[in-house]
Amino acid sequence: YMILGVALGTVEGTAAAIYYIAHHIVVQTTLFLAAGLIEREAG
């Protein structure tokens, strides 16, 4: 998705990619932390 926004070569595409990068950094990290909690609870 991020590469798509960059590949468009437009301000709108780059802006959407930047927002999506910020979103994905946060959400993907959160899911891996949650996976760590699952591993701790379930082994």
PDB file of all heavy atoms in Angstrom:
ATOM      1  N   TYR A   1       0.832  -1.206   0.000  1.00  0.00           N
ATOM      2  CA  TYR A   1       0.000   0.000   0.000  1.00  0.00           C
ATOM      3  C   TYR A   1       0.867   1.257   0.000  1.00  0.00           C
ATOM      4  O   TYR A   1       0.573   2.236  -0.697  1.00  0.00           O
ATOM      5  CB  TYR A   1      -0.908   0.015   1.230  1.00  0.00           C
ATOM      6  CG  TYR A   1      -2.052  -0.970   1.198  1.00  0.00           C
ATOM      7  CD1 TYR A   1      -1.985  -2.165   1.898  1.00  0.00           C
ATOM      8  CD2 TYR A   1      -3.216  -0.709   0.475  1.00  0.00           C
ATOM      9  CE1 TYR A   1      -3.032  -3.078   1.887  1.00  0.00           C
ATOM     10  CE2 TYR A   1      -4.271  -1.611   0.454  1.00  0.00           C
ATOM     11  CZ  TYR A   1      -4.172  -2.793   1.159  1.00  0.00           C
ATOM     12  OH  TYR A   1      -5.203  -3.684   1.136  1.00  0.00           O
ATOM     13  N   MET A   2       1.933   1.243   0.800  1.00  0.00           N
ATOM     14  CA  MET A   2       2.798   2.413   0.888  1.00  0.00           C
ATOM     15  C   MET A   2       3.528   2.663  -0.428  1.00  0.00           C
ATOM     16  O   MET A   2       3.640   3.810  -0.889  1.00  0.00           O
ATOM     17  CB  MET A   2       3.798   2.225   2.031  1.00  0.00           C
ATOM     18  CG  MET A   2       3.143   1.941   3.371  1.00  0.00           C
ATOM     19  SD  MET A   2       4.338   1.396   4.609  1.00  0.00           S
ATOM     20  CE  MET A   2       3.270   0.434   5.684  1.00  0.00           C
ATOM     21  N   ILE A   3       4.028   1.578  -1.040  1.00  0.00           N
ATOM     22  CA  ILE A   3       4.721   1.719  -2.321  1.00  0.00           C
ATOM     23  C   ILE A   3       3.759   2.218  -3.381  1.00  0.00           C
ATOM     24  O   ILE A   3       4.131   3.015  -4.262  1.00  0.00           O
ATOM     25  CB  ILE A   3       5.349   0.377  -2.739  1.00  0.00           C
ATOM     26  CG1 ILE A   3       6.386  -0.064  -1.695  1.00  0.00           C
ATOM     27  CG2 ILE A   3       6.003   0.493  -4.108  1.00  0.00           C
ATOM     28  CD1 ILE A   3       7.513   0.913  -1.470  1.00  0.00           C
ATOM     29  N   LEU A   4       2.495   1.794  -3.318  1.00  0.00           N
ATOM     30  CA  LEU A   4       1.485   2.289  -4.258  1.00  0.00           C
ATOM     31  C   LEU A   4       1.358   3.805  -4.172  1.00  0.00           C
ATOM     32  O   LEU A   4       1.351   4.503  -5.201  1.00  0.00           O
ATOM     33  CB  LEU A   4       0.139   1.631  -3.956  1.00  0.00           C
ATOM     34  CG  LEU A   4      -1.088   2.222  -4.667  1.00  0.00           C
ATOM     35  CD1 LEU A   4      -0.919   2.140  -6.180  1.00  0.00           C
ATOM     36  CD2 LEU A   4      -2.362   1.520  -4.225  1.00  0.00           C
ATOM     37  N   GLY A   5       1.259   4.331  -2.958  1.00  0.00           N
ATOM     38  CA  GLY A   5       1.126   5.775  -2.798  1.00  0.00           C
ATOM     39  C   GLY A   5       2.310   6.529  -3.364  1.00  0.00           C
ATOM     40  O   GLY A   5       2.155   7.576  -4.014  1.00  0.00           O
ATOM     41  N   VAL A   6       3.518   5.988  -3.156  1.00  0.00           N
ATOM     42  CA  VAL A   6       4.724   6.637  -3.680  1.00  0.00           C
ATOM     43  C   VAL A   6       4.761   6.542  -5.200  1.00  0.00           C
ATOM     44  O   VAL A   6       5.133   7.500  -5.892  1.00  0.00           O
ATOM     45  CB  VAL A   6       5.978   5.984  -3.063  1.00  0.00           C
ATOM     46  CG1 VAL A   6       7.243   6.629  -3.632  1.00  0.00           C
ATOM     47  CG2 VAL A   6       5.965   6.114  -1.542  1.00  0.00           C
ATOM     48  N   ALA A   7       4.371   5.377  -5.744  1.00  0.00           N
ATOM     49  CA  ALA A   7       4.468   5.137  -7.183  1.00  0.00           C
ATOM     50  C   ALA A   7       3.535   6.023  -7.988  1.00  0.00           C
ATOM     51  O   ALA A   7       3.767   6.241  -9.177  1.00  0.00           O
ATOM     52  CB  ALA A   7       4.173   3.670  -7.481  1.00  0.00           C
ATOM     53  N   LEU A   8       2.476   6.539  -7.379  1.00  0.00           N
ATOM     54  CA  LEU A   8       1.550   7.413  -8.110  1.00  0.00           C
ATOM     55  C   LEU A   8       2.222   8.697  -8.570  1.00  0.00           C
ATOM     56  O   LEU A   8       1.830   9.293  -9.574  1.00  0.00           O
ATOM     57  CB  LEU A   8       0.336   7.739  -7.228  1.00  0.00           C
ATOM     58  CG  LEU A   8      -0.583   6.559  -6.889  1.00  0.00           C
ATOM     59  CD1 LEU A   8      -1.645   6.988  -5.890  1.00  0.00           C
ATOM     60  CD2 LEU A   8      -1.221   5.996  -8.152  1.00  0.00           C
ATOM     61  N   GLY A   9       3.216   9.149  -7.820  1.00  0.00           N
ATOM     62  CA  GLY A   9       3.938  10.353  -8.210  1.00  0.00           C
ATOM     63  C   GLY A   9       3.137  11.634  -8.080  1.00  0.00           C
ATOM     64  O   GLY A   9       3.426  12.620  -8.756  1.00  0.00           O
ATOM     65  N   THR A  10       2.113  11.634  -7.213  1.00  0.00           N
ATOM     66  CA  THR A  10       1.275  12.821  -7.004  1.00  0.00           C
ATOM     67  C   THR A  10       1.325  13.235  -5.537  1.00  0.00           C
ATOM     68  O   THR A  10       1.675  12.435  -4.658  1.00  0.00           O
ATOM     69  CB  THR A  10      -0.180  12.538  -7.393  1.00  0.00           C
ATOM     70  OG1 THR A  10      -0.706  11.496  -6.535  1.00  0.00           O
ATOM     71  CG2 THR A  10      -0.272  12.072  -8.833  1.00  0.00           C
ATOM     72  N   VAL A  11       0.949  14.476  -5.275  1.00  0.00           N
ATOM     73  CA  VAL A  11       0.891  14.954  -3.889  1.00  0.00           C
ATOM     74  C   VAL A  11      -0.112  14.131  -3.090  1.00  0.00           C
ATOM     75  O   VAL A  11       0.145  13.753  -1.937  1.00  0.00           O
ATOM     76  CB  VAL A  11       0.515  16.454  -3.856  1.00  0.00           C
ATOM     77  CG1 VAL A  11       0.272  16.905  -2.418  1.00  0.00           C
ATOM     78  CG2 VAL A  11       1.616  17.286  -4.490  1.00  0.00           C
ATOM     79  N   GLU A  12      -1.257  13.833  -3.703  1.00  0.00           N
ATOM     80  CA  GLU A  12      -2.295  13.073  -2.999  1.00  0.00           C
ATOM     81  C   GLU A  12      -1.800  11.672  -2.644  1.00  0.00           C
ATOM     82  O   GLU A  12      -2.056  11.170  -1.541  1.00  0.00           O
ATOM     83  CB  GLU A  12      -3.556  12.979  -3.855  1.00  0.00           C
ATOM     84  CG  GLU A  12      -4.269  14.303  -4.080  1.00  0.00           C
ATOM     85  CD  GLU A  12      -3.585  15.169  -5.132  1.00  0.00           C
ATOM     86  OE1 GLU A  12      -2.669  14.656  -5.825  1.00  0.00           O
ATOM     87  OE2 GLU A  12      -3.954  16.350  -5.248  1.00  0.00           O
ATOM     88  N   GLY A  13      -1.113  11.037  -3.581  1.00  0.00           N
ATOM     89  CA  GLY A  13      -0.592   9.701  -3.317  1.00  0.00           C
ATOM     90  C   GLY A  13       0.467   9.696  -2.240  1.00  0.00           C
ATOM     91  O   GLY A  13       0.462   8.837  -1.348  1.00  0.00           O
ATOM     92  N   THR A  14       1.387  10.667  -2.298  1.00  0.00           N
ATOM     93  CA  THR A  14       2.440  10.747  -1.281  1.00  0.00           C
ATOM     94  C   THR A  14       1.850  11.034   0.092  1.00  0.00           C
ATOM     95  O   THR A  14       2.259  10.448   1.094  1.00  0.00           O
ATOM     96  CB  THR A  14       3.457  11.831  -1.653  1.00  0.00           C
ATOM     97  OG1 THR A  14       3.975  11.571  -2.959  1.00  0.00           O
ATOM     98  CG2 THR A  14       4.602  11.865  -0.659  1.00  0.00           C
ATOM     99  N   ALA A  15       0.869  11.935   0.160  1.00  0.00           N
ATOM    100  CA  ALA A  15       0.218  12.267   1.432  1.00  0.00           C
ATOM    101  C   ALA A  15      -0.469  11.040   2.026  1.00  0.00           C
ATOM    102  O   ALA A  15      -0.355  10.766   3.228  1.00  0.00           O
ATOM    103  CB  ALA A  15      -0.787  13.395   1.235  1.00  0.00           C
ATOM    104  N   ALA A  16      -1.192  10.295   1.185  1.00  0.00           N
ATOM    105  CA  ALA A  16      -1.859   9.088   1.665  1.00  0.00           C
ATOM    106  C   ALA A  16      -0.848   8.056   2.150  1.00  0.00           C
ATOM    107  O   ALA A  16      -1.068   7.379   3.161  1.00  0.00           O
ATOM    108  CB  ALA A  16      -2.736   8.499   0.559  1.00  0.00           C
ATOM    109  N   ALA A  17       0.276   7.937   1.434  1.00  0.00           N
ATOM    110  CA  ALA A  17       1.319   6.998   1.852  1.00  0.00           C
ATOM    111  C   ALA A  17       1.914   7.397   3.197  1.00  0.00           C
ATOM    112  O   ALA A  17       2.174   6.545   4.055  1.00  0.00           O
ATOM    113  CB  ALA A  17       2.411   6.927   0.786  1.00  0.00           C
ATOM    114  N   ILE A  18       2.130   8.687   3.404  1.00  0.00           N
ATOM    115  CA  ILE A  18       2.699   9.164   4.677  1.00  0.00           C
ATOM    116  C   ILE A  18       1.751   8.859   5.830  1.00  0.00           C
ATOM    117  O   ILE A  18       2.163   8.365   6.889  1.00  0.00           O
ATOM    118  CB  ILE A  18       3.011  10.669   4.592  1.00  0.00           C
ATOM    119  CG1 ILE A  18       4.168  10.905   3.621  1.00  0.00           C
ATOM    120  CG2 ILE A  18       3.345  11.238   5.972  1.00  0.00           C
ATOM    121  CD1 ILE A  18       4.395  12.367   3.281  1.00  0.00           C
ATOM    122  N   TYR A  19       0.467   9.149   5.638  1.00  0.00           N
ATOM    123  CA  TYR A  19      -0.508   8.830   6.687  1.00  0.00           C
ATOM    124  C   TYR A  19      -0.539   7.337   6.944  1.00  0.00           C
ATOM    125  O   TYR A  19      -0.587   6.891   8.112  1.00  0.00           O
ATOM    126  CB  TYR A  19      -1.890   9.323   6.284  1.00  0.00           C
ATOM    127  CG  TYR A  19      -2.965   9.023   7.317  1.00  0.00           C
ATOM    128  CD1 TYR A  19      -3.172   9.877   8.396  1.00  0.00           C
ATOM    129  CD2 TYR A  19      -3.746   7.879   7.224  1.00  0.00           C
ATOM    130  CE1 TYR A  19      -4.146   9.599   9.354  1.00  0.00           C
ATOM    131  CE2 TYR A  19      -4.718   7.589   8.172  1.00  0.00           C
ATOM    132  CZ  TYR A  19      -4.913   8.449   9.226  1.00  0.00           C
ATOM    133  OH  TYR A  19      -5.872   8.164  10.172  1.00  0.00           O
ATOM    134  N   TYR A  20      -0.482   6.545   5.865  1.00  0.00           N
ATOM    135  CA  TYR A  20      -0.564   5.096   6.042  1.00  0.00           C
ATOM    136  C   TYR A  20       0.676   4.552   6.737  1.00  0.00           C
ATOM    137  O   TYR A  20       0.589   3.596   7.517  1.00  0.00           O
ATOM    138  CB  TYR A  20      -0.760   4.404   4.689  1.00  0.00           C
ATOM    139  CG  TYR A  20      -1.376   3.035   4.840  1.00  0.00           C
ATOM    140  CD1 TYR A  20      -2.752   2.902   4.991  1.00  0.00           C
ATOM    141  CD2 TYR A  20      -0.599   1.887   4.886  1.00  0.00           C
ATOM    142  CE1 TYR A  20      -3.326   1.663   5.168  1.00  0.00           C
ATOM    143  CE2 TYR A  20      -1.158   0.648   5.059  1.00  0.00           C
ATOM    144  CZ  TYR A  20      -2.534   0.543   5.200  1.00  0.00           C
ATOM    145  OH  TYR A  20      -3.104  -0.692   5.398  1.00  0.00           O
ATOM    146  N   ILE A  21       1.829   5.144   6.487  1.00  0.00           N
ATOM    147  CA  ILE A  21       3.048   4.718   7.186  1.00  0.00           C
ATOM    148  C   ILE A  21       2.903   4.948   8.680  1.00  0.00           C
ATOM    149  O   ILE A  21       3.212   4.069   9.500  1.00  0.00           O
ATOM    150  CB  ILE A  21       4.277   5.474   6.635  1.00  0.00           C
ATOM    151  CG1 ILE A  21       4.599   5.003   5.216  1.00  0.00           C
ATOM    152  CG2 ILE A  21       5.496   5.251   7.532  1.00  0.00           C
ATOM    153  CD1 ILE A  21       5.632   5.865   4.522  1.00  0.00           C
ATOM    154  N   ALA A  22       2.449   6.145   9.073  1.00  0.00           N
ATOM    155  CA  ALA A  22       2.266   6.442  10.500  1.00  0.00           C
ATOM    156  C   ALA A  22       1.262   5.480  11.119  1.00  0.00           C
ATOM    157  O   ALA A  22       1.493   4.946  12.223  1.00  0.00           O
ATOM    158  CB  ALA A  22       1.791   7.886  10.669  1.00  0.00           C
ATOM    159  N   HIS A  23       0.150   5.243  10.427  1.00  0.00           N
ATOM    160  CA  HIS A  23      -0.854   4.288  10.917  1.00  0.00           C
ATOM    161  C   HIS A  23      -0.253   2.897  11.074  1.00  0.00           C
ATOM    162  O   HIS A  23      -0.430   2.235  12.105  1.00  0.00           O
ATOM    163  CB  HIS A  23      -2.031   4.241   9.933  1.00  0.00           C
ATOM    164  CG  HIS A  23      -2.651   2.900   9.771  1.00  0.00           C
ATOM    165  ND1 HIS A  23      -3.551   2.368  10.664  1.00  0.00           N
ATOM    166  CD2 HIS A  23      -2.476   1.942   8.808  1.00  0.00           C
ATOM    167  CE1 HIS A  23      -3.911   1.163  10.265  1.00  0.00           C
ATOM    168  NE2 HIS A  23      -3.284   0.882   9.148  1.00  0.00           N
ATOM    169  N   HIS A  24       0.485   2.436  10.061  1.00  0.00           N
ATOM    170  CA  HIS A  24       0.957   1.056  10.074  1.00  0.00           C
ATOM    171  C   HIS A  24       2.050   0.835  11.103  1.00  0.00           C
ATOM    172  O   HIS A  24       2.115  -0.243  11.722  1.00  0.00           O
ATOM    173  CB  HIS A  24       1.457   0.662   8.683  1.00  0.00           C
ATOM    174  CG  HIS A  24       1.600  -0.810   8.512  1.00  0.00           C
ATOM    175  ND1 HIS A  24       2.809  -1.449   8.624  1.00  0.00           N
ATOM    176  CD2 HIS A  24       0.677  -1.777   8.269  1.00  0.00           C
ATOM    177  CE1 HIS A  24       2.630  -2.742   8.433  1.00  0.00           C
ATOM    178  NE2 HIS A  24       1.355  -2.979   8.223  1.00  0.00           N
ATOM    179  N   ILE A  25       2.917   1.812  11.307  1.00  0.00           N
ATOM    180  CA  ILE A  25       3.938   1.683  12.353  1.00  0.00           C
ATOM    181  C   ILE A  25       3.275   1.407  13.697  1.00  0.00           C
ATOM    182  O   ILE A  25       3.673   0.502  14.441  1.00  0.00           O
ATOM    183  CB  ILE A  25       4.803   2.965  12.427  1.00  0.00           C
ATOM    184  CG1 ILE A  25       5.720   3.064  11.215  1.00  0.00           C
ATOM    185  CG2 ILE A  25       5.645   2.975  13.708  1.00  0.00           C
ATOM    186  CD1 ILE A  25       6.492   4.369  11.144  1.00  0.00           C
ATOM    187  N   VAL A  26       2.242   2.168  14.001  1.00  0.00           N
ATOM    188  CA  VAL A  26       1.567   2.034  15.296  1.00  0.00           C
ATOM    189  C   VAL A  26       0.790   0.729  15.391  1.00  0.00           C
ATOM    190  O   VAL A  26       0.932  -0.031  16.360  1.00  0.00           O
ATOM    191  CB  VAL A  26       0.629   3.245  15.525  1.00  0.00           C
ATOM    192  CG1 VAL A  26      -0.219   3.043  16.777  1.00  0.00           C
ATOM    193  CG2 VAL A  26       1.434   4.534  15.639  1.00  0.00           C
ATOM    194  N   VAL A  27      -0.024   0.428  14.384  1.00  0.00           N
ATOM    195  CA  VAL A  27      -0.918  -0.736  14.466  1.00  0.00           C
ATOM    196  C   VAL A  27      -0.144  -2.042  14.386  1.00  0.00           C
ATOM    197  O   VAL A  27      -0.434  -2.993  15.123  1.00  0.00           O
ATOM    198  CB  VAL A  27      -1.988  -0.658  13.356  1.00  0.00           C
ATOM    199  CG1 VAL A  27      -2.812  -1.933  13.302  1.00  0.00           C
ATOM    200  CG2 VAL A  27      -2.892   0.539  13.594  1.00  0.00           C
ATOM    201  N   GLN A  28       0.846  -2.120  13.510  1.00  0.00           N
ATOM    202  CA  GLN A  28       1.609  -3.368  13.390  1.00  0.00           C
ATOM    203  C   GLN A  28       2.396  -3.641  14.669  1.00  0.00           C
ATOM    204  O   GLN A  28       2.468  -4.790  15.130  1.00  0.00           O
ATOM    205  CB  GLN A  28       2.550  -3.292  12.197  1.00  0.00           C
ATOM    206  CG  GLN A  28       3.127  -4.633  11.787  1.00  0.00           C
ATOM    207  CD  GLN A  28       2.133  -5.502  11.036  1.00  0.00           C
ATOM    208  OE1 GLN A  28       1.435  -5.021  10.156  1.00  0.00           O
ATOM    209  NE2 GLN A  28       2.059  -6.773  11.369  1.00  0.00           N
ATOM    210  N   THR A  29       2.979  -2.611  15.256  1.00  0.00           N
ATOM    211  CA  THR A  29       3.677  -2.789  16.531  1.00  0.00           C
ATOM    212  C   THR A  29       2.714  -3.270  17.604  1.00  0.00           C
ATOM    213  O   THR A  29       3.035  -4.176  18.395  1.00  0.00           O
ATOM    214  CB  THR A  29       4.327  -1.466  16.969  1.00  0.00           C
ATOM    215  OG1 THR A  29       5.235  -1.017  15.961  1.00  0.00           O
ATOM    216  CG2 THR A  29       5.094  -1.641  18.278  1.00  0.00           C
ATOM    217  N   THR A  30       1.526  -2.685  17.655  1.00  0.00           N
ATOM    218  CA  THR A  30       0.525  -3.066  18.649  1.00  0.00           C
ATOM    219  C   THR A  30       0.144  -4.531  18.514  1.00  0.00           C
ATOM    220  O   THR A  30       0.036  -5.258  19.516  1.00  0.00           O
ATOM    221  CB  THR A  30      -0.731  -2.196  18.507  1.00  0.00           C
ATOM    222  OG1 THR A  30      -0.362  -0.817  18.540  1.00  0.00           O
ATOM    223  CG2 THR A  30      -1.716  -2.474  19.632  1.00  0.00           C
ATOM    224  N   LEU A  31      -0.045  -4.995  17.292  1.00  0.00           N
ATOM    225  CA  LEU A  31      -0.427  -6.392  17.080  1.00  0.00           C
ATOM    226  C   LEU A  31       0.684  -7.346  17.507  1.00  0.00           C
ATOM    227  O   LEU A  31       0.415  -8.413  18.086  1.00  0.00           O
ATOM    228  CB  LEU A  31      -0.786  -6.619  15.610  1.00  0.00           C
ATOM    229  CG  LEU A  31      -2.177  -6.135  15.202  1.00  0.00           C
ATOM    230  CD1 LEU A  31      -2.326  -6.155  13.695  1.00  0.00           C
ATOM    231  CD2 LEU A  31      -3.256  -6.986  15.862  1.00  0.00           C
ATOM    232  N   PHE A  32       1.928  -6.988  17.259  1.00  0.00           N
ATOM    233  CA  PHE A  32       3.023  -7.861  17.700  1.00  0.00           C
ATOM    234  C   PHE A  32       3.160  -7.851  19.216  1.00  0.00           C
ATOM    235  O   PHE A  32       3.512  -8.875  19.819  1.00  0.00           O
ATOM    236  CB  PHE A  32       4.331  -7.450  17.026  1.00  0.00           C
ATOM    237  CG  PHE A  32       4.570  -8.145  15.716  1.00  0.00           C
ATOM    238  CD1 PHE A  32       4.315  -7.511  14.524  1.00  0.00           C
ATOM    239  CD2 PHE A  32       5.038  -9.450  15.680  1.00  0.00           C
ATOM    240  CE1 PHE A  32       4.522  -8.149  13.301  1.00  0.00           C
ATOM    241  CE2 PHE A  32       5.254 -10.105  14.483  1.00  0.00           C
ATOM    242  CZ  PHE A  32       4.990  -9.450  13.283  1.00  0.00           C
ATOM    243  N   LEU A  33       2.905  -6.715  19.854  1.00  0.00           N
ATOM    244  CA  LEU A  33       2.894  -6.691  21.322  1.00  0.00           C
ATOM    245  C   LEU A  33       1.758  -7.557  21.846  1.00  0.00           C
ATOM    246  O   LEU A  33       1.931  -8.305  22.830  1.00  0.00           O
ATOM    247  CB  LEU A  33       2.751  -5.257  21.830  1.00  0.00           C
ATOM    248  CG  LEU A  33       3.936  -4.317  21.593  1.00  0.00           C
ATOM    249  CD1 LEU A  33       3.628  -2.931  22.167  1.00  0.00           C
ATOM    250  CD2 LEU A  33       5.216  -4.868  22.222  1.00  0.00           C
ATOM    251  N   ALA A  34       0.598  -7.484  21.212  1.00  0.00           N
ATOM    252  CA  ALA A  34      -0.524  -8.335  21.613  1.00  0.00           C
ATOM    253  C   ALA A  34      -0.180  -9.804  21.416  1.00  0.00           C
ATOM    254  O   ALA A  34      -0.557 -10.661  22.230  1.00  0.00           O
ATOM    255  CB  ALA A  34      -1.772  -7.964  20.820  1.00  0.00           C
ATOM    256  N   ALA A  35       0.552 -10.116  20.340  1.00  0.00           N
ATOM    257  CA  ALA A  35       0.999 -11.504  20.133  1.00  0.00           C
ATOM    258  C   ALA A  35       1.930 -11.951  21.245  1.00  0.00           C
ATOM    259  O   ALA A  35       1.895 -13.121  21.673  1.00  0.00           O
ATOM    260  CB  ALA A  35       1.689 -11.625  18.771  1.00  0.00           C
ATOM    261  N   GLY A  36       2.758 -11.022  21.753  1.00  0.00           N
ATOM    262  CA  GLY A  36       3.600 -11.347  22.901  1.00  0.00           C
ATOM    263  C   GLY A  36       2.787 -11.659  24.138  1.00  0.00           C
ATOM    264  O   GLY A  36       3.134 -12.562  24.913  1.00  0.00           O
ATOM    265  N   LEU A  37       1.693 -10.924  24.347  1.00  0.00           N
ATOM    266  CA  LEU A  37       0.802 -11.208  25.475  1.00  0.00           C
ATOM    267  C   LEU A  37       0.121 -12.563  25.302  1.00  0.00           C
ATOM    268  O   LEU A  37      -0.038 -13.321  26.274  1.00  0.00           O
ATOM    269  CB  LEU A  37      -0.252 -10.116  25.603  1.00  0.00           C
ATOM    270  CG  LEU A  37       0.239  -8.702  25.935  1.00  0.00           C
ATOM    271  CD1 LEU A  37      -0.935  -7.739  26.016  1.00  0.00           C
ATOM    272  CD2 LEU A  37       1.019  -8.687  27.245  1.00  0.00           C
ATOM    273  N   ILE A  38      -0.289 -12.879  24.078  1.00  0.00           N
ATOM    274  CA  ILE A  38      -0.900 -14.183  23.816  1.00  0.00           C
ATOM    275  C   ILE A  38       0.082 -15.310  24.121  1.00  0.00           C
ATOM    276  O   ILE A  38      -0.264 -16.315  24.758  1.00  0.00           O
ATOM    277  CB  ILE A  38      -1.372 -14.269  22.351  1.00  0.00           C
ATOM    278  CG1 ILE A  38      -2.533 -13.308  22.106  1.00  0.00           C
ATOM    279  CG2 ILE A  38      -1.779 -15.701  21.982  1.00  0.00           C
ATOM    280  CD1 ILE A  38      -2.911 -13.159  20.637  1.00  0.00           C
ATOM    281  N   GLU A  39       1.311 -15.137  23.670  1.00  0.00           N
ATOM    282  CA  GLU A  39       2.328 -16.159  23.925  1.00  0.00           C
ATOM    283  C   GLU A  39       2.569 -16.346  25.415  1.00  0.00           C
ATOM    284  O   GLU A  39       2.773 -17.461  25.897  1.00  0.00           O
ATOM    285  CB  GLU A  39       3.630 -15.774  23.222  1.00  0.00           C
ATOM    286  CG  GLU A  39       4.715 -16.839  23.304  1.00  0.00           C
ATOM    287  CD  GLU A  39       5.926 -16.483  22.468  1.00  0.00           C
ATOM    288  OE1 GLU A  39       6.138 -15.274  22.210  1.00  0.00           O
ATOM    289  OE2 GLU A  39       6.658 -17.395  22.068  1.00  0.00           O
ATOM    290  N   ARG A  40       2.509 -15.253  26.137  1.00  0.00           N
ATOM    291  CA  ARG A  40       2.715 -15.348  27.585  1.00  0.00           C
ATOM    292  C   ARG A  40       1.548 -16.052  28.267  1.00  0.00           C
ATOM    293  O   ARG A  40       1.733 -16.855  29.173  1.00  0.00           O
ATOM    294  CB  ARG A  40       2.906 -13.950  28.169  1.00  0.00           C
ATOM    295  CG  ARG A  40       3.320 -13.983  29.625  1.00  0.00           C
ATOM    296  CD  ARG A  40       3.683 -12.623  30.151  1.00  0.00           C
ATOM    297  NE  ARG A  40       4.266 -12.784  31.459  1.00  0.00           N
ATOM    298  CZ  ARG A  40       5.542 -13.005  31.693  1.00  0.00           C
ATOM    299  NH1 ARG A  40       6.388 -13.100  30.679  1.00  0.00           N
ATOM    300  NH2 ARG A  40       6.004 -13.155  32.922  1.00  0.00           N
ATOM    301  N   GLU A  41       0.339 -15.746  27.821  1.00  0.00           N
ATOM    302  CA  GLU A  41      -0.848 -16.353  28.435  1.00  0.00           C
ATOM    303  C   GLU A  41      -0.993 -17.828  28.072  1.00  0.00           C
ATOM    304  O   GLU A  41      -1.372 -18.644  28.906  1.00  0.00           O
ATOM    305  CB  GLU A  41      -2.106 -15.592  27.985  1.00  0.00           C
ATOM    306  CG  GLU A  41      -2.243 -14.197  28.561  1.00  0.00           C
ATOM    307  CD  GLU A  41      -2.637 -14.191  30.030  1.00  0.00           C
ATOM    308  OE1 GLU A  41      -3.118 -15.236  30.516  1.00  0.00           O
ATOM    309  OE2 GLU A  41      -2.453 -13.157  30.684  1.00  0.00           O
ATOM    310  N   ALA A  42      -0.709 -18.160  26.808  1.00  0.00           N
ATOM    311  CA  ALA A  42      -0.991 -19.510  26.315  1.00  0.00           C
ATOM    312  C   ALA A  42       0.245 -20.381  26.170  1.00  0.00           C
ATOM    313  O   ALA A  42       0.116 -21.587  25.972  1.00  0.00           O
ATOM    314  CB  ALA A  42      -1.708 -19.415  24.967  1.00  0.00           C
ATOM    315  N   GLY A  43       1.429 -19.776  26.234  1.00  0.00           N
ATOM    316  CA  GLY A  43       2.651 -20.554  26.080  1.00  0.00           C
ATOM    317  C   GLY A  43       2.980 -20.893  24.643  1.00  0.00           C
ATOM    318  O   GLY A  43       3.888 -21.670  24.372  1.00  0.00           O
TER     319      GLY A  43
END
